[in-house]
Amino acid sequence: MIKTLIALAATTASVATPAAFAGTYVNVEANSGFTGTDYEGSVTDLHIGYEGGNETHTFYVQGGPAFIAPEGEDGETRLSGKVGGNIAATEKLDIYGEFGVVTDEDDNFYGTKIGAKFKF
């Protein structure tokens, strides 16, 4: 159960933002989970990705290993990936979304995110 929660958190932790450039990038991201004040573990993604777009919409796709380290258990390495994007609906409203996956021997873990960002 703990591994599931950590893996799911890893797939949905990043936020889609407008691309500063189009091209290839490396993204290293660590996500940790807590229940109350109890540390449950971490997932660290080491992804290679590509992003592109223009002033009104951006997209990205990235993937690579996910190092899963539950507290008090042996760690595992899985594959993970994310695809997402951002649409500038108006000058003050962006809509974004992301889909992520972490592989597992039995069942893969999937996560989704959709949101809106209002600018003042």
Protein backbone atom coordinates (compact mmCIF):
# COMPACT_ATOMS: atom_id res chain seq x y z
CA MET A 1 0.00 0.00 0.00
CA ILE A 2 2.77 2.44 0.90
CA LYS A 3 4.59 1.75 -2.39
CA THR A 4 1.37 2.41 -4.27
CA LEU A 5 0.89 5.78 -2.61
CA ILE A 6 4.49 6.85 -3.13
CA ALA A 7 4.46 5.76 -6.78
CA LEU A 8 1.17 7.50 -7.43
CA ALA A 9 2.44 10.69 -5.82
CA ALA A 10 5.47 10.59 -8.09
CA THR A 11 3.38 10.40 -11.22
CA THR A 12 1.36 13.49 -10.38
CA ALA A 13 3.79 15.76 -8.59
CA SER A 14 5.05 18.07 -11.32
CA VAL A 15 3.07 21.04 -12.60
CA ALA A 16 2.75 21.88 -16.28
CA THR A 17 4.11 25.35 -16.98
CA PRO A 18 4.72 27.28 -20.18
CA ALA A 19 7.89 26.18 -21.94
CA ALA A 20 10.81 28.58 -21.77
CA PHE A 21 12.25 26.81 -24.82
CA ALA A 22 11.47 23.94 -27.11
CA GLY A 23 13.80 21.00 -26.92
CA THR A 24 15.29 18.21 -24.91
CA TYR A 25 15.83 18.42 -21.14
CA VAL A 26 16.73 16.35 -18.07
CA ASN A 27 14.38 16.41 -15.09
CA VAL A 28 15.41 15.03 -11.69
CA GLU A 29 12.54 15.07 -9.22
CA ALA A 30 12.25 13.66 -5.70
CA ASN A 31 8.84 13.15 -4.06
CA SER A 32 8.48 12.08 -0.44
CA GLY A 33 5.38 10.85 1.36
CA PHE A 34 4.31 11.37 4.96
CA THR A 35 1.40 10.16 7.07
CA GLY A 36 1.10 12.79 9.75
CA THR A 37 4.72 13.23 10.81
CA ASP A 38 5.75 9.67 9.86
CA TYR A 39 8.01 9.45 6.84
CA GLU A 40 6.76 6.73 4.43
CA GLY A 41 9.37 6.86 1.67
CA SER A 42 10.46 8.60 -1.50
CA VAL A 43 10.45 8.23 -5.26
CA THR A 44 13.16 9.89 -7.33
CA ASP A 45 12.62 10.22 -11.08
CA LEU A 46 15.53 10.64 -13.47
CA HIS A 47 13.80 11.59 -16.73
CA ILE A 48 14.84 12.70 -20.17
CA GLY A 49 12.16 14.72 -21.89
CA TYR A 50 11.11 16.95 -24.70
CA GLU A 51 8.96 20.07 -24.50
CA GLY A 52 7.57 22.46 -27.05
CA GLY A 53 4.73 24.77 -27.89
CA ASN A 54 4.08 28.47 -28.26
CA GLU A 55 2.47 31.36 -26.34
CA THR A 56 -0.95 29.68 -26.22
CA HIS A 57 -0.10 26.05 -25.54
CA THR A 58 2.80 23.90 -24.39
CA PHE A 59 3.39 20.17 -24.09
CA TYR A 60 5.99 17.82 -22.67
CA VAL A 61 6.80 14.13 -22.64
CA GLN A 62 9.43 12.58 -20.37
CA GLY A 63 10.51 9.20 -19.08
CA GLY A 64 13.21 7.18 -17.38
CA PRO A 65 13.94 5.28 -14.19
CA ALA A 66 12.03 5.82 -10.94
CA PHE A 67 13.97 4.90 -7.81
CA ILE A 68 11.39 3.84 -5.20
CA ALA A 69 12.62 3.89 -1.59
CA PRO A 70 9.94 2.96 0.97
CA GLU A 71 10.93 3.61 4.60
CA GLY A 72 12.39 0.48 6.20
CA GLU A 73 12.24 -1.62 3.01
CA ASP A 74 14.57 -2.42 0.15
CA GLY A 75 14.37 0.02 -2.72
CA GLU A 76 13.29 -0.81 -6.25
CA THR A 77 13.91 0.66 -9.67
CA ARG A 78 10.97 0.95 -12.06
CA LEU A 79 10.33 2.81 -15.30
CA SER A 80 8.18 5.91 -15.21
CA GLY A 81 6.92 8.50 -17.64
CA LYS A 82 4.75 11.59 -17.89
CA VAL A 83 3.01 13.49 -20.64
CA GLY A 84 1.30 16.81 -20.10
CA GLY A 85 0.53 20.25 -21.31
CA ASN A 86 -0.76 23.73 -20.66
CA ILE A 87 -3.29 25.82 -22.59
CA ALA A 88 -3.61 29.57 -22.12
CA ALA A 89 -7.41 29.84 -22.24
CA THR A 90 -7.26 33.62 -21.66
CA GLU A 91 -4.58 36.11 -20.59
CA LYS A 92 -5.35 35.29 -16.96
CA LEU A 93 -6.39 31.64 -17.12
CA ASP A 94 -4.23 28.60 -17.87
CA ILE A 95 -5.58 25.04 -17.95
CA TYR A 96 -3.10 22.21 -17.47
CA GLY A 97 -3.06 18.45 -17.30
CA GLU A 98 -0.74 15.51 -16.85
CA PHE A 99 -0.84 11.73 -17.16
CA GLY A 100 1.86 9.61 -15.52
CA VAL A 101 2.73 5.95 -15.13
CA VAL A 102 5.15 3.91 -12.99
CA THR A 103 5.68 0.30 -14.03
CA ASP A 104 5.27 -2.63 -11.65
CA GLU A 105 5.56 -6.40 -12.04
CA ASP A 106 1.88 -7.01 -11.31
CA ASP A 107 -0.01 -3.80 -12.00
CA ASN A 108 1.23 -0.45 -13.25
CA PHE A 109 0.49 2.69 -11.23
CA TYR A 110 -1.26 5.53 -13.06
CA GLY A 111 -1.86 9.10 -12.04
CA THR A 112 -3.67 12.02 -13.59
CA LYS A 113 -3.83 15.70 -12.86
CA ILE A 114 -5.94 18.51 -14.28
CA GLY A 115 -6.11 22.03 -13.00
CA ALA A 116 -6.57 25.69 -13.65
CA LYS A 117 -4.24 28.55 -12.76
CA PHE A 118 -5.79 32.01 -12.34
CA LYS A 119 -3.47 35.03 -12.62
CA PHE A 120 -4.25 38.34 -10.91
